[in-house]
PDB file of all heavy atoms in Angstrom:
ATOM      1  N   LEU A   1     -45.791-130.639  -9.529  1.00  0.00           N
ATOM      2  CA  LEU A   1     -45.279-129.331  -9.163  1.00  0.00           C
ATOM      3  C   LEU A   1     -43.928-129.502  -8.329  1.00  0.00           C
ATOM      4  O   LEU A   1     -43.019-128.837  -8.484  1.00  0.00           O
ATOM      5  CB  LEU A   1     -46.265-128.542  -8.310  1.00  0.00           C
ATOM      6  CG  LEU A   1     -45.861-127.129  -7.840  1.00  0.00           C
ATOM      7  CD1 LEU A   1     -45.637-126.203  -9.079  1.00  0.00           C
ATOM      8  CD2 LEU A   1     -46.854-126.540  -6.843  1.00  0.00           C
ATOM      9  N   TYR A   2     -43.948-130.498  -7.460  1.00  0.00           N
ATOM     10  CA  TYR A   2     -42.812-130.831  -6.597  1.00  0.00           C
ATOM     11  C   TYR A   2     -41.653-131.257  -7.493  1.00  0.00           C
ATOM     12  O   TYR A   2     -40.526-130.879  -7.223  1.00  0.00           O
ATOM     13  CB  TYR A   2     -43.243-131.876  -5.628  1.00  0.00           C
ATOM     14  CG  TYR A   2     -42.133-132.470  -4.781  1.00  0.00           C
ATOM     15  CD1 TYR A   2     -41.463-131.715  -3.772  1.00  0.00           C
ATOM     16  CD2 TYR A   2     -41.701-133.736  -5.015  1.00  0.00           C
ATOM     17  CE1 TYR A   2     -40.486-132.278  -3.008  1.00  0.00           C
ATOM     18  CE2 TYR A   2     -40.680-134.289  -4.260  1.00  0.00           C
ATOM     19  CZ  TYR A   2     -40.062-133.568  -3.228  1.00  0.00           C
ATOM     20  OH  TYR A   2     -39.015-134.113  -2.448  1.00  0.00           O
ATOM     21  N   LEU A   3     -41.928-132.079  -8.548  1.00  0.00           N
ATOM     22  CA  LEU A   3     -40.835-132.539  -9.412  1.00  0.00           C
ATOM     23  C   LEU A   3     -40.215-131.428 -10.266  1.00  0.00           C
ATOM     24  O   LEU A   3     -39.118-131.572 -10.819  1.00  0.00           O
ATOM     25  CB  LEU A   3     -41.354-133.653 -10.285  1.00  0.00           C
ATOM     26  CG  LEU A   3     -41.830-135.027  -9.537  1.00  0.00           C
ATOM     27  CD1 LEU A   3     -42.087-136.076 -10.453  1.00  0.00           C
ATOM     28  CD2 LEU A   3     -40.834-135.388  -8.448  1.00  0.00           C
ATOM     29  N   ILE A   4     -40.963-130.354 -10.462  1.00  0.00           N
ATOM     30  CA  ILE A   4     -40.462-129.263 -11.229  1.00  0.00           C
ATOM     31  C   ILE A   4     -39.636-128.233 -10.458  1.00  0.00           C
ATOM     32  O   ILE A   4     -38.513-127.868 -10.797  1.00  0.00           O
ATOM     33  CB  ILE A   4     -41.650-128.469 -11.963  1.00  0.00           C
ATOM     34  CG1 ILE A   4     -42.304-129.344 -12.986  1.00  0.00           C
ATOM     35  CG2 ILE A   4     -41.130-127.143 -12.508  1.00  0.00           C
ATOM     36  CD1 ILE A   4     -43.595-128.830 -13.514  1.00  0.00           C
ATOM     37  N   TYR A   5     -40.130-127.926  -9.182  1.00  0.00           N
ATOM     38  CA  TYR A   5     -39.460-126.931  -8.382  1.00  0.00           C
ATOM     39  C   TYR A   5     -38.676-127.453  -7.218  1.00  0.00           C
ATOM     40  O   TYR A   5     -37.951-126.690  -6.494  1.00  0.00           O
ATOM     41  CB  TYR A   5     -40.504-125.839  -7.971  1.00  0.00           C
ATOM     42  CG  TYR A   5     -40.973-124.995  -9.023  1.00  0.00           C
ATOM     43  CD1 TYR A   5     -42.290-125.200  -9.568  1.00  0.00           C
ATOM     44  CD2 TYR A   5     -40.125-124.088  -9.682  1.00  0.00           C
ATOM     45  CE1 TYR A   5     -42.742-124.450 -10.659  1.00  0.00           C
ATOM     46  CE2 TYR A   5     -40.615-123.286 -10.691  1.00  0.00           C
ATOM     47  CZ  TYR A   5     -41.855-123.476 -11.232  1.00  0.00           C
ATOM     48  OH  TYR A   5     -42.319-122.724 -12.294  1.00  0.00           O
ATOM     49  N   GLY A   6     -38.841-128.714  -6.901  1.00  0.00           N
ATOM     50  CA  GLY A   6     -38.075-129.371  -5.830  1.00  0.00           C
ATOM     51  C   GLY A   6     -38.537-129.014  -4.473  1.00  0.00           C
ATOM     52  O   GLY A   6     -39.622-128.501  -4.220  1.00  0.00           O
ATOM     53  N   GLY A   7     -37.703-129.377  -3.509  1.00  0.00           N
ATOM     54  CA  GLY A   7     -38.092-129.352  -2.095  1.00  0.00           C
ATOM     55  C   GLY A   7     -37.287-128.402  -1.178  1.00  0.00           C
ATOM     56  O   GLY A   7     -37.472-128.553  -0.021  1.00  0.00           O
ATOM     57  N   TYR A   8     -36.397-127.539  -1.686  1.00  0.00           N
ATOM     58  CA  TYR A   8     -35.827-126.556  -0.786  1.00  0.00           C
ATOM     59  C   TYR A   8     -36.899-125.789  -0.071  1.00  0.00           C
ATOM     60  O   TYR A   8     -37.752-125.226  -0.692  1.00  0.00           O
ATOM     61  CB  TYR A   8     -34.855-125.624  -1.507  1.00  0.00           C
ATOM     62  CG  TYR A   8     -33.631-126.296  -1.975  1.00  0.00           C
ATOM     63  CD1 TYR A   8     -33.349-126.599  -3.230  1.00  0.00           C
ATOM     64  CD2 TYR A   8     -32.625-126.582  -0.988  1.00  0.00           C
ATOM     65  CE1 TYR A   8     -32.149-127.232  -3.668  1.00  0.00           C
ATOM     66  CE2 TYR A   8     -31.416-127.273  -1.381  1.00  0.00           C
ATOM     67  CZ  TYR A   8     -31.222-127.580  -2.727  1.00  0.00           C
ATOM     68  OH  TYR A   8     -30.054-128.159  -3.055  1.00  0.00           O
ATOM     69  N   PRO A   9     -36.860-125.712   1.252  1.00  0.00           N
ATOM     70  CA  PRO A   9     -37.981-125.201   2.032  1.00  0.00           C
ATOM     71  C   PRO A   9     -38.345-123.838   1.599  1.00  0.00           C
ATOM     72  O   PRO A   9     -39.517-123.562   1.392  1.00  0.00           O
ATOM     73  CB  PRO A   9     -37.416-125.153   3.493  1.00  0.00           C
ATOM     74  CG  PRO A   9     -36.498-126.317   3.558  1.00  0.00           C
ATOM     75  CD  PRO A   9     -35.845-126.393   2.179  1.00  0.00           C
ATOM     76  N   ALA A  10     -37.396-122.876   1.321  1.00  0.00           N
ATOM     77  CA  ALA A  10     -37.763-121.525   0.907  1.00  0.00           C
ATOM     78  C   ALA A  10     -38.449-121.500  -0.353  1.00  0.00           C
ATOM     79  O   ALA A  10     -39.347-120.665  -0.694  1.00  0.00           O
ATOM     80  CB  ALA A  10     -36.519-120.669   0.833  1.00  0.00           C
ATOM     81  N   VAL A  11     -38.137-122.456  -1.278  1.00  0.00           N
ATOM     82  CA  VAL A  11     -38.799-122.598  -2.591  1.00  0.00           C
ATOM     83  C   VAL A  11     -40.220-123.046  -2.429  1.00  0.00           C
ATOM     84  O   VAL A  11     -41.173-122.478  -3.000  1.00  0.00           O
ATOM     85  CB  VAL A  11     -38.011-123.467  -3.515  1.00  0.00           C
ATOM     86  CG1 VAL A  11     -38.715-123.675  -4.846  1.00  0.00           C
ATOM     87  CG2 VAL A  11     -36.569-122.951  -3.683  1.00  0.00           C
ATOM     88  N   VAL A  12     -40.404-124.136  -1.578  1.00  0.00           N
ATOM     89  CA  VAL A  12     -41.760-124.615  -1.348  1.00  0.00           C
ATOM     90  C   VAL A  12     -42.638-123.559  -0.756  1.00  0.00           C
ATOM     91  O   VAL A  12     -43.848-123.488  -1.152  1.00  0.00           O
ATOM     92  CB  VAL A  12     -41.646-125.918  -0.440  1.00  0.00           C
ATOM     93  CG1 VAL A  12     -43.112-126.338  -0.076  1.00  0.00           C
ATOM     94  CG2 VAL A  12     -40.867-126.993  -1.182  1.00  0.00           C
ATOM     95  N   LEU A  13     -42.143-122.784   0.150  1.00  0.00           N
ATOM     96  CA  LEU A  13     -42.981-121.838   0.820  1.00  0.00           C
ATOM     97  C   LEU A  13     -43.214-120.548   0.045  1.00  0.00           C
ATOM     98  O   LEU A  13     -44.067-119.689   0.407  1.00  0.00           O
ATOM     99  CB  LEU A  13     -42.310-121.438   2.110  1.00  0.00           C
ATOM    100  CG  LEU A  13     -42.267-122.583   3.240  1.00  0.00           C
ATOM    101  CD1 LEU A  13     -41.381-122.196   4.395  1.00  0.00           C
ATOM    102  CD2 LEU A  13     -43.676-123.014   3.669  1.00  0.00           C
ATOM    103  N   ALA A  14     -42.473-120.342  -1.113  1.00  0.00           N
ATOM    104  CA  ALA A  14     -42.752-119.194  -1.982  1.00  0.00           C
ATOM    105  C   ALA A  14     -44.093-119.357  -2.669  1.00  0.00           C
ATOM    106  O   ALA A  14     -44.633-120.462  -2.960  1.00  0.00           O
ATOM    107  CB  ALA A  14     -41.616-119.103  -3.053  1.00  0.00           C
ATOM    108  N   LYS A  15     -44.817-118.262  -2.867  1.00  0.00           N
ATOM    109  CA  LYS A  15     -46.160-118.230  -3.374  1.00  0.00           C
ATOM    110  C   LYS A  15     -46.339-118.429  -4.886  1.00  0.00           C
ATOM    111  O   LYS A  15     -47.185-119.210  -5.308  1.00  0.00           O
ATOM    112  CB  LYS A  15     -46.894-116.989  -2.982  1.00  0.00           C
ATOM    113  CG  LYS A  15     -46.927-116.742  -1.517  1.00  0.00           C
ATOM    114  CD  LYS A  15     -47.671-117.801  -0.717  1.00  0.00           C
ATOM    115  CE  LYS A  15     -47.707-117.549   0.750  1.00  0.00           C
ATOM    116  NZ  LYS A  15     -48.312-118.754   1.499  1.00  0.00           N
ATOM    117  N   SER A  16     -45.442-117.793  -5.709  1.00  0.00           N
ATOM    118  CA  SER A  16     -45.625-117.844  -7.156  1.00  0.00           C
ATOM    119  C   SER A  16     -44.428-118.597  -7.761  1.00  0.00           C
ATOM    120  O   SER A  16     -43.402-118.709  -7.133  1.00  0.00           O
ATOM    121  CB  SER A  16     -45.656-116.399  -7.731  1.00  0.00           C
ATOM    122  OG  SER A  16     -44.400-115.826  -7.559  1.00  0.00           O
ATOM    123  N   ASN A  17     -44.676-119.134  -8.949  1.00  0.00           N
ATOM    124  CA  ASN A  17     -43.667-119.796  -9.650  1.00  0.00           C
ATOM    125  C   ASN A  17     -42.397-118.868  -9.944  1.00  0.00           C
ATOM    126  O   ASN A  17     -41.274-119.344  -9.887  1.00  0.00           O
ATOM    127  CB  ASN A  17     -44.156-120.388 -10.965  1.00  0.00           C
ATOM    128  CG  ASN A  17     -45.094-121.522 -10.670  1.00  0.00           C
ATOM    129  OD1 ASN A  17     -45.236-122.003  -9.586  1.00  0.00           O
ATOM    130  ND2 ASN A  17     -45.895-121.900 -11.706  1.00  0.00           N
ATOM    131  N   THR A  18     -42.667-117.706 -10.234  1.00  0.00           N
ATOM    132  CA  THR A  18     -41.570-116.654 -10.485  1.00  0.00           C
ATOM    133  C   THR A  18     -40.741-116.539  -9.244  1.00  0.00           C
ATOM    134  O   THR A  18     -39.497-116.483  -9.366  1.00  0.00           O
ATOM    135  CB  THR A  18     -42.193-115.324 -10.941  1.00  0.00           C
ATOM    136  OG1 THR A  18     -42.939-115.494 -12.125  1.00  0.00           O
ATOM    137  CG2 THR A  18     -41.137-114.336 -11.209  1.00  0.00           C
ATOM    138  N   GLU A  19     -41.405-116.440  -8.149  1.00  0.00           N
ATOM    139  CA  GLU A  19     -40.683-116.285  -6.904  1.00  0.00           C
ATOM    140  C   GLU A  19     -39.909-117.558  -6.557  1.00  0.00           C
ATOM    141  O   GLU A  19     -38.732-117.474  -6.108  1.00  0.00           O
ATOM    142  CB  GLU A  19     -41.691-116.045  -5.767  1.00  0.00           C
ATOM    143  CG  GLU A  19     -41.014-115.716  -4.418  1.00  0.00           C
ATOM    144  CD  GLU A  19     -42.053-115.501  -3.269  1.00  0.00           C
ATOM    145  OE1 GLU A  19     -43.231-115.358  -3.646  1.00  0.00           O
ATOM    146  OE2 GLU A  19     -41.624-115.336  -2.144  1.00  0.00           O
ATOM    147  N   LYS A  20     -40.457-118.714  -6.846  1.00  0.00           N
ATOM    148  CA  LYS A  20     -39.760-120.007  -6.650  1.00  0.00           C
ATOM    149  C   LYS A  20     -38.447-120.023  -7.488  1.00  0.00           C
ATOM    150  O   LYS A  20     -37.345-120.423  -7.064  1.00  0.00           O
ATOM    151  CB  LYS A  20     -40.619-121.208  -7.032  1.00  0.00           C
ATOM    152  CG  LYS A  20     -41.809-121.445  -6.103  1.00  0.00           C
ATOM    153  CD  LYS A  20     -42.662-122.603  -6.636  1.00  0.00           C
ATOM    154  CE  LYS A  20     -43.932-122.697  -5.938  1.00  0.00           C
ATOM    155  NZ  LYS A  20     -43.772-123.080  -4.396  1.00  0.00           N
ATOM    156  N   GLU A  21     -38.544-119.594  -8.728  1.00  0.00           N
ATOM    157  CA  GLU A  21     -37.331-119.628  -9.683  1.00  0.00           C
ATOM    158  C   GLU A  21     -36.343-118.650  -9.171  1.00  0.00           C
ATOM    159  O   GLU A  21     -35.073-118.987  -9.217  1.00  0.00           O
ATOM    160  CB  GLU A  21     -37.856-119.248 -11.065  1.00  0.00           C
ATOM    161  CG  GLU A  21     -38.656-120.412 -11.711  1.00  0.00           C
ATOM    162  CD  GLU A  21     -39.325-120.010 -13.046  1.00  0.00           C
ATOM    163  OE1 GLU A  21     -38.726-119.140 -13.702  1.00  0.00           O
ATOM    164  OE2 GLU A  21     -40.443-120.628 -13.370  1.00  0.00           O
ATOM    165  N   LYS A  22     -36.726-117.474  -8.701  1.00  0.00           N
ATOM    166  CA  LYS A  22     -35.763-116.538  -8.184  1.00  0.00           C
ATOM    167  C   LYS A  22     -35.084-117.017  -6.984  1.00  0.00           C
ATOM    168  O   LYS A  22     -33.861-116.797  -6.731  1.00  0.00           O
ATOM    169  CB  LYS A  22     -36.464-115.174  -7.906  1.00  0.00           C
ATOM    170  CG  LYS A  22     -35.526-114.033  -7.732  1.00  0.00           C
ATOM    171  CD  LYS A  22     -34.807-113.724  -9.025  1.00  0.00           C
ATOM    172  CE  LYS A  22     -33.808-112.550  -8.830  1.00  0.00           C
ATOM    173  NZ  LYS A  22     -33.003-112.381 -10.055  1.00  0.00           N
ATOM    174  N   ILE A  23     -35.772-117.686  -6.013  1.00  0.00           N
ATOM    175  CA  ILE A  23     -35.210-118.185  -4.856  1.00  0.00           C
ATOM    176  C   ILE A  23     -34.207-119.306  -5.188  1.00  0.00           C
ATOM    177  O   ILE A  23     -33.149-119.386  -4.573  1.00  0.00           O
ATOM    178  CB  ILE A  23     -36.336-118.660  -3.848  1.00  0.00           C
ATOM    179  CG1 ILE A  23     -37.072-117.472  -3.359  1.00  0.00           C
ATOM    180  CG2 ILE A  23     -35.705-119.458  -2.670  1.00  0.00           C
ATOM    181  CD1 ILE A  23     -38.255-117.762  -2.539  1.00  0.00           C
ATOM    182  N   LEU A  24     -34.553-120.194  -6.148  1.00  0.00           N
ATOM    183  CA  LEU A  24     -33.691-121.229  -6.555  1.00  0.00           C
ATOM    184  C   LEU A  24     -32.412-120.678  -7.107  1.00  0.00           C
ATOM    185  O   LEU A  24     -31.267-121.144  -6.806  1.00  0.00           O
ATOM    186  CB  LEU A  24     -34.410-122.140  -7.559  1.00  0.00           C
ATOM    187  CG  LEU A  24     -35.107-123.400  -7.162  1.00  0.00           C
ATOM    188  CD1 LEU A  24     -35.848-123.998  -8.313  1.00  0.00           C
ATOM    189  CD2 LEU A  24     -34.147-124.354  -6.565  1.00  0.00           C
ATOM    190  N   GLU A  25     -32.477-119.588  -7.811  1.00  0.00           N
ATOM    191  CA  GLU A  25     -31.315-118.960  -8.412  1.00  0.00           C
ATOM    192  C   GLU A  25     -30.430-118.552  -7.227  1.00  0.00           C
ATOM    193  O   GLU A  25     -29.163-118.764  -7.269  1.00  0.00           O
ATOM    194  CB  GLU A  25     -31.676-117.698  -9.246  1.00  0.00           C
ATOM    195  CG  GLU A  25     -30.563-116.952  -9.761  1.00  0.00           C
ATOM    196  CD  GLU A  25     -30.951-115.617 -10.503  1.00  0.00           C
ATOM    197  OE1 GLU A  25     -32.178-115.445 -10.739  1.00  0.00           O
ATOM    198  OE2 GLU A  25     -30.112-114.879 -10.818  1.00  0.00           O
ATOM    199  N   GLY A  26     -30.943-117.904  -6.228  1.00  0.00           N
ATOM    200  CA  GLY A  26     -30.161-117.453  -5.131  1.00  0.00           C
ATOM    201  C   GLY A  26     -29.488-118.580  -4.387  1.00  0.00           C
ATOM    202  O   GLY A  26     -28.329-118.555  -4.075  1.00  0.00           O
ATOM    203  N   ILE A  27     -30.242-119.667  -4.120  1.00  0.00           N
ATOM    204  CA  ILE A  27     -29.701-120.838  -3.389  1.00  0.00           C
ATOM    205  C   ILE A  27     -28.532-121.435  -4.151  1.00  0.00           C
ATOM    206  O   ILE A  27     -27.445-121.776  -3.558  1.00  0.00           O
ATOM    207  CB  ILE A  27     -30.839-121.829  -3.125  1.00  0.00           C
ATOM    208  CG1 ILE A  27     -31.882-121.332  -2.102  1.00  0.00           C
ATOM    209  CG2 ILE A  27     -30.263-123.222  -2.689  1.00  0.00           C
ATOM    210  CD1 ILE A  27     -33.069-122.222  -1.975  1.00  0.00           C
ATOM    211  N   ILE A  28     -28.761-121.652  -5.405  1.00  0.00           N
ATOM    212  CA  ILE A  28     -27.756-122.333  -6.184  1.00  0.00           C
ATOM    213  C   ILE A  28     -26.586-121.507  -6.498  1.00  0.00           C
ATOM    214  O   ILE A  28     -25.448-121.953  -6.368  1.00  0.00           O
ATOM    215  CB  ILE A  28     -28.396-122.922  -7.546  1.00  0.00           C
ATOM    216  CG1 ILE A  28     -29.472-123.949  -7.141  1.00  0.00           C
ATOM    217  CG2 ILE A  28     -27.392-123.491  -8.423  1.00  0.00           C
ATOM    218  CD1 ILE A  28     -30.450-124.334  -8.273  1.00  0.00           C
ATOM    219  N   GLU A  29     -26.796-120.288  -6.942  1.00  0.00           N
ATOM    220  CA  GLU A  29     -25.685-119.433  -7.327  1.00  0.00           C
ATOM    221  C   GLU A  29     -24.863-118.889  -6.134  1.00  0.00           C
ATOM    222  O   GLU A  29     -23.670-118.807  -6.158  1.00  0.00           O
ATOM    223  CB  GLU A  29     -26.179-118.237  -8.224  1.00  0.00           C
ATOM    224  CG  GLU A  29     -26.920-118.646  -9.453  1.00  0.00           C
ATOM    225  CD  GLU A  29     -26.018-119.121 -10.616  1.00  0.00           C
ATOM    226  OE1 GLU A  29     -24.758-119.025 -10.416  1.00  0.00           O
ATOM    227  OE2 GLU A  29     -26.512-119.606 -11.553  1.00  0.00           O
ATOM    228  N   ASN A  30     -25.643-118.556  -5.102  1.00  0.00           N
ATOM    229  CA  ASN A  30     -24.943-117.828  -3.938  1.00  0.00           C
ATOM    230  C   ASN A  30     -24.477-118.764  -2.874  1.00  0.00           C
ATOM    231  O   ASN A  30     -23.600-118.404  -2.117  1.00  0.00           O
ATOM    232  CB  ASN A  30     -25.870-116.789  -3.371  1.00  0.00           C
ATOM    233  CG  ASN A  30     -26.298-115.675  -4.330  1.00  0.00           C
ATOM    234  OD1 ASN A  30     -25.517-115.351  -5.191  1.00  0.00           O
ATOM    235  ND2 ASN A  30     -27.500-115.162  -4.165  1.00  0.00           N
ATOM    236  N   TYR A  31     -25.029-119.957  -2.829  1.00  0.00           N
ATOM    237  CA  TYR A  31     -24.688-120.898  -1.699  1.00  0.00           C
ATOM    238  C   TYR A  31     -23.980-122.169  -2.271  1.00  0.00           C
ATOM    239  O   TYR A  31     -22.824-122.392  -2.013  1.00  0.00           O
ATOM    240  CB  TYR A  31     -25.859-121.279  -0.861  1.00  0.00           C
ATOM    241  CG  TYR A  31     -26.346-120.161  -0.033  1.00  0.00           C
ATOM    242  CD1 TYR A  31     -27.500-119.386  -0.445  1.00  0.00           C
ATOM    243  CD2 TYR A  31     -25.769-119.772   1.134  1.00  0.00           C
ATOM    244  CE1 TYR A  31     -28.007-118.340   0.299  1.00  0.00           C
ATOM    245  CE2 TYR A  31     -26.262-118.718   1.895  1.00  0.00           C
ATOM    246  CZ  TYR A  31     -27.427-118.071   1.479  1.00  0.00           C
ATOM    247  OH  TYR A  31     -27.891-116.982   2.264  1.00  0.00           O
TER     248      TYR A  31
END
C-alpha cells in the first residue's frame, strides 16, 4: 500500500484510496 500511494503525510492520514488520490492530485498539481 505504501509503494502505491507513497508517504506524503496528508496522503498517509487519508482514510480511503479515493481520498488519497485526490490529495495527491492537489499536492502535485497545486504545489
